[in-house]
Amino acid sequence: MPDATTTDPDPQAVLDGLRRLGTELAFNRHLGVEVREATVGRCVVALPANPALENHIGGVHAIAELAPVELAGALAASSRLTPLFARGYVPVVGRLATRFRAPATGELLATAEVGEDILAPALAAADAGERPKVDVEVTVTDPDGTVVNVTELRFVYLLMGVTRG
């Protein structure tokens, strides 16, 4: 836990840093993932159309489709949890459940929105010596606005340098 002289990082500064990190990851660069909007509590990430990412039926491959989902969810959630970053926590995906609703074609947009209400439980978990967990829903749409998938992610925040069973 931080001492009285520690201040929480600026949410926008944390968001900007995470945005850079997320778009610089080799896999995301390989896919061409782009952050289109990033504000505290909301993120929109694009996966541009690319024939190299198509599956056997001409749609976007399911695994490629999930890359912008993970980044949008992580950015939206983490922008609300800046006090955890001051304590040395970082997010990882702990669970992912996707409901594919329509074939994904063309440029895809993954949108995540997270309210302020996730902060208090996450801090309480950290204070109790537990790993904070945050659930985020991300919706993916195609160029026509059709919802092609809805994914539920659980991000687990790990304290760097500390291992637990």
Protein backbone atom coordinates (compact mmCIF):
# COMPACT_ATOMS: atom_id res chain seq x y z
CA MET A 1 0.00 0.00 0.00
CA PRO A 2 1.36 3.47 -0.78
CA ASP A 3 2.39 5.77 2.04
CA ALA A 4 0.83 9.17 2.66
CA THR A 5 3.26 10.88 0.29
CA THR A 6 2.33 8.68 -2.68
CA THR A 7 -0.17 10.15 -5.08
CA ASP A 8 -2.29 8.23 -7.50
CA PRO A 9 -1.17 8.54 -11.10
CA ASP A 10 -3.16 10.69 -13.46
CA PRO A 11 -5.78 8.48 -15.18
CA GLN A 12 -5.10 10.02 -18.60
CA ALA A 13 -1.33 9.53 -18.20
CA VAL A 14 -1.87 5.87 -17.29
CA LEU A 15 -4.25 5.48 -20.22
CA ASP A 16 -1.75 7.06 -22.62
CA GLY A 17 1.01 4.75 -21.37
CA LEU A 18 -1.18 1.66 -21.68
CA ARG A 19 -2.29 2.76 -25.13
CA ARG A 20 1.34 2.98 -26.26
CA LEU A 21 2.18 -0.35 -24.68
CA GLY A 22 -0.85 -2.08 -26.19
CA THR A 23 -0.26 -0.82 -29.71
CA GLU A 24 3.48 -1.55 -29.52
CA LEU A 25 3.01 -5.22 -28.59
CA ALA A 26 4.39 -7.32 -31.42
CA PHE A 27 1.16 -9.28 -31.96
CA ASN A 28 -0.98 -6.14 -32.10
CA ARG A 29 1.48 -4.46 -34.48
CA HIS A 30 1.44 -7.59 -36.65
CA LEU A 31 -2.36 -7.45 -36.86
CA GLY A 32 -2.48 -3.68 -37.35
CA VAL A 33 -4.60 -2.99 -34.25
CA GLU A 34 -5.33 0.74 -33.81
CA VAL A 35 -6.71 2.61 -30.80
CA ARG A 36 -9.36 4.96 -32.21
CA GLU A 37 -10.69 6.37 -28.94
CA ALA A 38 -9.31 6.20 -25.42
CA THR A 39 -10.87 8.14 -22.58
CA VAL A 40 -11.23 7.28 -18.93
CA GLY A 41 -13.71 4.42 -18.82
CA ARG A 42 -14.16 4.00 -22.59
CA CYS A 43 -12.03 2.63 -25.39
CA VAL A 44 -12.60 1.82 -29.05
CA VAL A 45 -10.00 -0.30 -30.84
CA ALA A 46 -10.02 -1.10 -34.56
CA LEU A 47 -8.83 -4.13 -36.45
CA PRO A 48 -8.46 -2.90 -40.05
CA ALA A 49 -9.62 -5.16 -42.87
CA ASN A 50 -6.76 -7.35 -44.02
CA PRO A 51 -7.01 -10.40 -46.31
CA ALA A 52 -4.09 -11.97 -44.42
CA LEU A 53 -6.36 -12.24 -41.35
CA GLU A 54 -9.19 -14.07 -43.09
CA ASN A 55 -10.35 -17.55 -42.21
CA HIS A 56 -11.41 -20.39 -44.52
CA ILE A 57 -14.82 -18.79 -45.22
CA GLY A 58 -13.52 -15.30 -46.00
CA GLY A 59 -14.29 -13.70 -42.64
CA VAL A 60 -11.93 -12.38 -39.99
CA HIS A 61 -10.21 -15.23 -38.15
CA ALA A 62 -11.61 -15.64 -34.63
CA ILE A 63 -8.24 -15.25 -32.90
CA ALA A 64 -7.44 -12.04 -34.80
CA GLU A 65 -10.92 -10.78 -33.91
CA LEU A 66 -10.08 -11.06 -30.20
CA ALA A 67 -6.92 -8.91 -30.22
CA PRO A 68 -8.78 -5.57 -30.31
CA VAL A 69 -11.22 -6.96 -27.73
CA GLU A 70 -8.44 -7.57 -25.21
CA LEU A 71 -6.87 -4.16 -25.74
CA ALA A 72 -10.17 -2.25 -25.57
CA GLY A 73 -11.17 -4.03 -22.37
CA ALA A 74 -7.79 -3.57 -20.72
CA LEU A 75 -7.64 0.13 -21.54
CA ALA A 76 -11.18 0.87 -20.41
CA ALA A 77 -10.81 -1.01 -17.12
CA SER A 78 -7.28 0.08 -16.30
CA SER A 79 -8.09 3.74 -16.86
CA ARG A 80 -10.51 3.46 -13.90
CA LEU A 81 -7.97 1.66 -11.69
CA THR A 82 -5.02 4.06 -11.59
CA PRO A 83 -4.51 3.64 -7.81
CA LEU A 84 -3.61 -0.01 -8.46
CA PHE A 85 -0.83 1.07 -10.82
CA ALA A 86 0.61 3.26 -8.05
CA ARG A 87 0.80 0.10 -5.93
CA GLY A 88 2.58 -1.89 -8.65
CA TYR A 89 -0.31 -3.91 -10.09
CA VAL A 90 -0.62 -4.82 -13.76
CA PRO A 91 -3.52 -6.46 -15.65
CA VAL A 92 -3.59 -9.85 -17.33
CA VAL A 93 -6.51 -11.72 -18.87
CA GLY A 94 -7.79 -14.32 -16.44
CA ARG A 95 -10.87 -15.41 -18.35
CA LEU A 96 -12.40 -14.75 -21.74
CA ALA A 97 -15.81 -15.89 -23.00
CA THR A 98 -16.93 -14.94 -26.49
CA ARG A 99 -20.34 -15.20 -28.11
CA PHE A 100 -19.93 -14.98 -31.86
CA ARG A 101 -23.15 -13.59 -33.32
CA ALA A 102 -22.42 -12.97 -37.00
CA PRO A 103 -19.60 -13.53 -39.48
CA ALA A 104 -16.98 -10.83 -39.04
CA THR A 105 -15.93 -9.07 -42.23
CA GLY A 106 -14.19 -5.79 -42.99
CA GLU A 107 -12.80 -3.43 -40.41
CA LEU A 108 -13.92 -4.33 -36.89
CA LEU A 109 -14.42 -2.00 -33.95
CA ALA A 110 -14.15 -3.30 -30.37
CA THR A 111 -15.81 -1.04 -27.81
CA ALA A 112 -15.53 -1.30 -24.03
CA GLU A 113 -17.07 0.95 -21.39
CA VAL A 114 -16.41 0.62 -17.67
CA GLY A 115 -17.99 2.61 -14.84
CA GLU A 116 -16.39 4.09 -11.74
CA ASP A 117 -18.00 1.38 -9.62
CA ILE A 118 -15.15 -1.07 -10.32
CA LEU A 119 -12.60 0.89 -8.28
CA ALA A 120 -13.79 0.30 -4.70
CA PRO A 121 -14.01 -3.52 -4.95
CA ALA A 122 -10.63 -3.68 -6.68
CA LEU A 123 -8.97 -1.59 -3.98
CA ALA A 124 -10.69 -3.63 -1.25
CA ALA A 125 -9.32 -6.84 -2.79
CA ALA A 126 -5.81 -5.35 -2.93
CA ASP A 127 -6.09 -4.15 0.67
CA ALA A 128 -7.12 -7.67 1.71
CA GLY A 129 -4.05 -9.16 0.02
CA GLU A 130 -6.09 -10.66 -2.81
CA ARG A 131 -5.71 -10.24 -6.54
CA PRO A 132 -8.17 -7.62 -7.79
CA LYS A 133 -10.45 -8.90 -10.54
CA VAL A 134 -12.51 -6.81 -12.93
CA ASP A 135 -15.09 -8.02 -15.43
CA VAL A 136 -15.47 -6.10 -18.70
CA GLU A 137 -17.84 -6.61 -21.61
CA VAL A 138 -16.60 -5.70 -25.08
CA THR A 139 -18.80 -5.45 -28.17
CA VAL A 140 -17.37 -5.89 -31.67
CA THR A 141 -19.12 -4.41 -34.69
CA ASP A 142 -18.48 -4.57 -38.43
CA PRO A 143 -18.57 -1.61 -40.87
CA ASP A 144 -22.38 -1.83 -41.08
CA GLY A 145 -22.73 -1.63 -37.28
CA THR A 146 -23.71 -5.29 -36.97
CA VAL A 147 -22.64 -6.82 -33.67
CA VAL A 148 -20.37 -9.70 -34.63
CA ASN A 149 -19.36 -10.73 -31.14
CA VAL A 150 -19.75 -9.88 -27.50
CA THR A 151 -16.91 -10.90 -25.24
CA GLU A 152 -16.74 -11.00 -21.47
CA LEU A 153 -13.24 -10.62 -20.08
CA ARG A 154 -12.01 -10.95 -16.53
CA PHE A 155 -8.84 -9.03 -15.90
CA VAL A 156 -6.77 -10.09 -12.92
CA TYR A 157 -4.43 -7.47 -11.53
CA LEU A 158 -1.12 -8.95 -10.43
CA LEU A 159 1.29 -7.29 -8.06
CA MET A 160 4.58 -7.25 -9.93
CA GLY A 161 7.39 -9.05 -8.13
CA VAL A 162 4.99 -11.02 -5.92
CA THR A 163 3.99 -14.59 -6.72
CA ARG A 164 1.06 -16.31 -5.11
CA GLY A 165 -0.39 -19.74 -5.59
